[in-house]
Amino acid sequence: AFNHVTLSPRWSSANIDTVDVTVKYAASGGYVSYKYRHDQDKKTINLDVTGSGDSGKAHILLPPDYKTVQNVTVNGVPAKFTISGIEKSNYVDFELAFPAIQHIVIQY
């Protein structure tokens, strides 16, 4: 019922820089919603994320040829993150807190 979600957008693999997504589970009313904005010139990914659950994990695909990030902020506060790899793809991983809106900036 979207109580604990894993958010794993992979829009950079399709060269898509702007997306608005909302997913709702009708039976419980649970939902997760995000706005994804990738600025290739500034090397940033901006996400505005919210949901009805308690917490979540972010597993965000980095653009091709990037293996790490400079920093991640959540609501302007530096966040702890790790980098993970799956085959030739690299992801930045960190925790999310709901139901508040989380404004995330990933600088790679």
C-alpha atoms as a PDB file:
ATOM      1  CA  ALA A   1       0.000   0.000   0.000  1.00  0.00           C
ATOM      2  CA  PHE A   2       3.007   2.289  -0.614  1.00  0.00           C
ATOM      3  CA  ASN A   3       3.957   2.409   3.076  1.00  0.00           C
ATOM      4  CA  HIS A   4       7.623   1.891   2.195  1.00  0.00           C
ATOM      5  CA  VAL A   5       8.665   2.551  -1.425  1.00  0.00           C
ATOM      6  CA  THR A   6      11.791   2.304  -3.513  1.00  0.00           C
ATOM      7  CA  LEU A   7      11.961   5.111  -6.046  1.00  0.00           C
ATOM      8  CA  SER A   8      14.144   4.106  -8.978  1.00  0.00           C
ATOM      9  CA  PRO A   9      13.659   6.366 -11.993  1.00  0.00           C
ATOM     10  CA  ARG A  10      15.857   5.528 -14.975  1.00  0.00           C
ATOM     11  CA  TRP A  11      14.915   8.398 -17.255  1.00  0.00           C
ATOM     12  CA  SER A  12      18.517   9.234 -18.153  1.00  0.00           C
ATOM     13  CA  SER A  13      18.767   5.902 -20.015  1.00  0.00           C
ATOM     14  CA  ALA A  14      16.051   7.172 -22.388  1.00  0.00           C
ATOM     15  CA  ASN A  15      17.504  10.713 -22.641  1.00  0.00           C
ATOM     16  CA  ILE A  16      14.391  12.141 -20.960  1.00  0.00           C
ATOM     17  CA  ASP A  17      15.095  15.198 -18.796  1.00  0.00           C
ATOM     18  CA  THR A  18      11.644  16.225 -17.495  1.00  0.00           C
ATOM     19  CA  VAL A  19       8.955  13.937 -16.109  1.00  0.00           C
ATOM     20  CA  ASP A  20       6.015  14.199 -13.681  1.00  0.00           C
ATOM     21  CA  VAL A  21       4.842  10.851 -12.271  1.00  0.00           C
ATOM     22  CA  THR A  22       2.091   9.859  -9.835  1.00  0.00           C
ATOM     23  CA  VAL A  23       1.266   6.258  -8.955  1.00  0.00           C
ATOM     24  CA  LYS A  24      -1.734   5.454  -6.754  1.00  0.00           C
ATOM     25  CA  TYR A  25      -2.964   2.187  -5.279  1.00  0.00           C
ATOM     26  CA  ALA A  26      -6.736   2.584  -5.374  1.00  0.00           C
ATOM     27  CA  ALA A  27      -7.557  -0.058  -2.765  1.00  0.00           C
ATOM     28  CA  SER A  28      -5.678   1.745   0.019  1.00  0.00           C
ATOM     29  CA  GLY A  29      -5.364   5.278  -1.343  1.00  0.00           C
ATOM     30  CA  GLY A  30      -1.583   4.976  -1.023  1.00  0.00           C
ATOM     31  CA  TYR A  31       0.477   6.943  -3.521  1.00  0.00           C
ATOM     32  CA  VAL A  32       3.890   8.231  -4.482  1.00  0.00           C
ATOM     33  CA  SER A  33       4.470  11.233  -6.717  1.00  0.00           C
ATOM     34  CA  TYR A  34       7.599  12.876  -8.101  1.00  0.00           C
ATOM     35  CA  LYS A  35       8.860  15.524 -10.484  1.00  0.00           C
ATOM     36  CA  TYR A  36      12.158  14.696 -12.171  1.00  0.00           C
ATOM     37  CA  ARG A  37      14.288  17.436 -13.735  1.00  0.00           C
ATOM     38  CA  HIS A  38      17.725  16.707 -15.211  1.00  0.00           C
ATOM     39  CA  ASP A  39      19.951  19.650 -16.183  1.00  0.00           C
ATOM     40  CA  GLN A  40      22.790  18.217 -18.236  1.00  0.00           C
ATOM     41  CA  ASP A  41      24.621  21.554 -18.462  1.00  0.00           C
ATOM     42  CA  LYS A  42      24.674  22.035 -14.665  1.00  0.00           C
ATOM     43  CA  LYS A  43      25.128  18.288 -14.045  1.00  0.00           C
ATOM     44  CA  THR A  44      22.217  18.176 -11.615  1.00  0.00           C
ATOM     45  CA  ILE A  45      19.159  16.019 -11.097  1.00  0.00           C
ATOM     46  CA  ASN A  46      16.315  17.677  -9.169  1.00  0.00           C
ATOM     47  CA  LEU A  47      13.494  15.631  -7.694  1.00  0.00           C
ATOM     48  CA  ASP A  48      10.441  16.715  -5.752  1.00  0.00           C
ATOM     49  CA  VAL A  49       9.076  13.588  -4.097  1.00  0.00           C
ATOM     50  CA  THR A  50       6.124  12.926  -1.801  1.00  0.00           C
ATOM     51  CA  GLY A  51       3.961  10.008  -0.861  1.00  0.00           C
ATOM     52  CA  SER A  52       1.455   8.673   1.603  1.00  0.00           C
ATOM     53  CA  GLY A  53       3.823   6.206   3.254  1.00  0.00           C
ATOM     54  CA  ASP A  54       6.287   6.509   6.106  1.00  0.00           C
ATOM     55  CA  SER A  55       9.633   6.179   4.350  1.00  0.00           C
ATOM     56  CA  GLY A  56      11.395   5.118   1.229  1.00  0.00           C
ATOM     57  CA  LYS A  57      14.649   4.551  -0.545  1.00  0.00           C
ATOM     58  CA  ALA A  58      15.910   6.397  -3.589  1.00  0.00           C
ATOM     59  CA  HIS A  59      17.892   4.445  -6.186  1.00  0.00           C
ATOM     60  CA  ILE A  60      18.505   7.035  -8.915  1.00  0.00           C
ATOM     61  CA  LEU A  61      20.222   6.147 -12.184  1.00  0.00           C
ATOM     62  CA  LEU A  62      23.151   8.410 -13.020  1.00  0.00           C
ATOM     63  CA  PRO A  63      23.704   9.549 -16.610  1.00  0.00           C
ATOM     64  CA  PRO A  64      25.930   7.312 -18.743  1.00  0.00           C
ATOM     65  CA  ASP A  65      29.671   7.643 -18.091  1.00  0.00           C
ATOM     66  CA  TYR A  66      29.179   9.039 -14.562  1.00  0.00           C
ATOM     67  CA  LYS A  67      30.248   6.806 -11.694  1.00  0.00           C
ATOM     68  CA  THR A  68      29.878   9.093  -8.691  1.00  0.00           C
ATOM     69  CA  VAL A  69      28.222  12.267  -7.420  1.00  0.00           C
ATOM     70  CA  GLN A  70      29.602  15.370  -5.731  1.00  0.00           C
ATOM     71  CA  ASN A  71      26.752  15.715  -3.236  1.00  0.00           C
ATOM     72  CA  VAL A  72      23.108  15.057  -2.496  1.00  0.00           C
ATOM     73  CA  THR A  73      20.879  17.473  -0.584  1.00  0.00           C
ATOM     74  CA  VAL A  74      17.394  16.839   0.736  1.00  0.00           C
ATOM     75  CA  ASN A  75      15.482  20.032   1.542  1.00  0.00           C
ATOM     76  CA  GLY A  76      18.791  21.905   1.466  1.00  0.00           C
ATOM     77  CA  VAL A  77      20.514  19.606   3.983  1.00  0.00           C
ATOM     78  CA  PRO A  78      23.411  17.346   2.908  1.00  0.00           C
ATOM     79  CA  ALA A  79      22.285  13.712   2.816  1.00  0.00           C
ATOM     80  CA  LYS A  80      24.265  10.521   3.299  1.00  0.00           C
ATOM     81  CA  PHE A  81      24.424   8.524   0.094  1.00  0.00           C
ATOM     82  CA  THR A  82      26.142   5.562  -1.476  1.00  0.00           C
ATOM     83  CA  ILE A  83      26.914   4.657  -5.066  1.00  0.00           C
ATOM     84  CA  SER A  84      25.926   1.262  -6.410  1.00  0.00           C
ATOM     85  CA  GLY A  85      26.549  -0.379  -9.757  1.00  0.00           C
ATOM     86  CA  ILE A  86      24.493  -2.815 -11.762  1.00  0.00           C
ATOM     87  CA  GLU A  87      26.277  -4.040 -14.868  1.00  0.00           C
ATOM     88  CA  LYS A  88      27.383  -0.825 -16.657  1.00  0.00           C
ATOM     89  CA  SER A  89      24.917   1.465 -14.827  1.00  0.00           C
ATOM     90  CA  ASN A  90      25.619   3.509 -11.694  1.00  0.00           C
ATOM     91  CA  TYR A  91      23.065   4.647  -9.133  1.00  0.00           C
ATOM     92  CA  VAL A  92      23.035   7.006  -6.174  1.00  0.00           C
ATOM     93  CA  ASP A  93      21.194   5.561  -3.163  1.00  0.00           C
ATOM     94  CA  PHE A  94      19.793   7.382  -0.122  1.00  0.00           C
ATOM     95  CA  GLU A  95      16.849   7.371   2.298  1.00  0.00           C
ATOM     96  CA  LEU A  96      13.577   9.292   1.903  1.00  0.00           C
ATOM     97  CA  ALA A  97      11.135  10.447   4.590  1.00  0.00           C
ATOM     98  CA  PHE A  98       7.428  10.768   3.895  1.00  0.00           C
ATOM     99  CA  PRO A  99       4.784  12.142   3.871  1.00  0.00           C
ATOM    100  CA  ALA A 100       6.515  15.540   3.646  1.00  0.00           C
ATOM    101  CA  ILE A 101       7.643  16.805   0.250  1.00  0.00           C
ATOM    102  CA  GLN A 102      11.323  16.087  -0.253  1.00  0.00           C
ATOM    103  CA  HIS A 103      13.213  18.469  -2.548  1.00  0.00           C
ATOM    104  CA  ILE A 104      16.314  16.595  -3.690  1.00  0.00           C
ATOM    105  CA  VAL A 105      19.291  17.905  -5.605  1.00  0.00           C
ATOM    106  CA  ILE A 106      21.898  15.476  -6.912  1.00  0.00           C
ATOM    107  CA  GLN A 107      25.090  17.131  -8.177  1.00  0.00           C
ATOM    108  CA  TYR A 108      27.179  14.724 -10.245  1.00  0.00           C
END
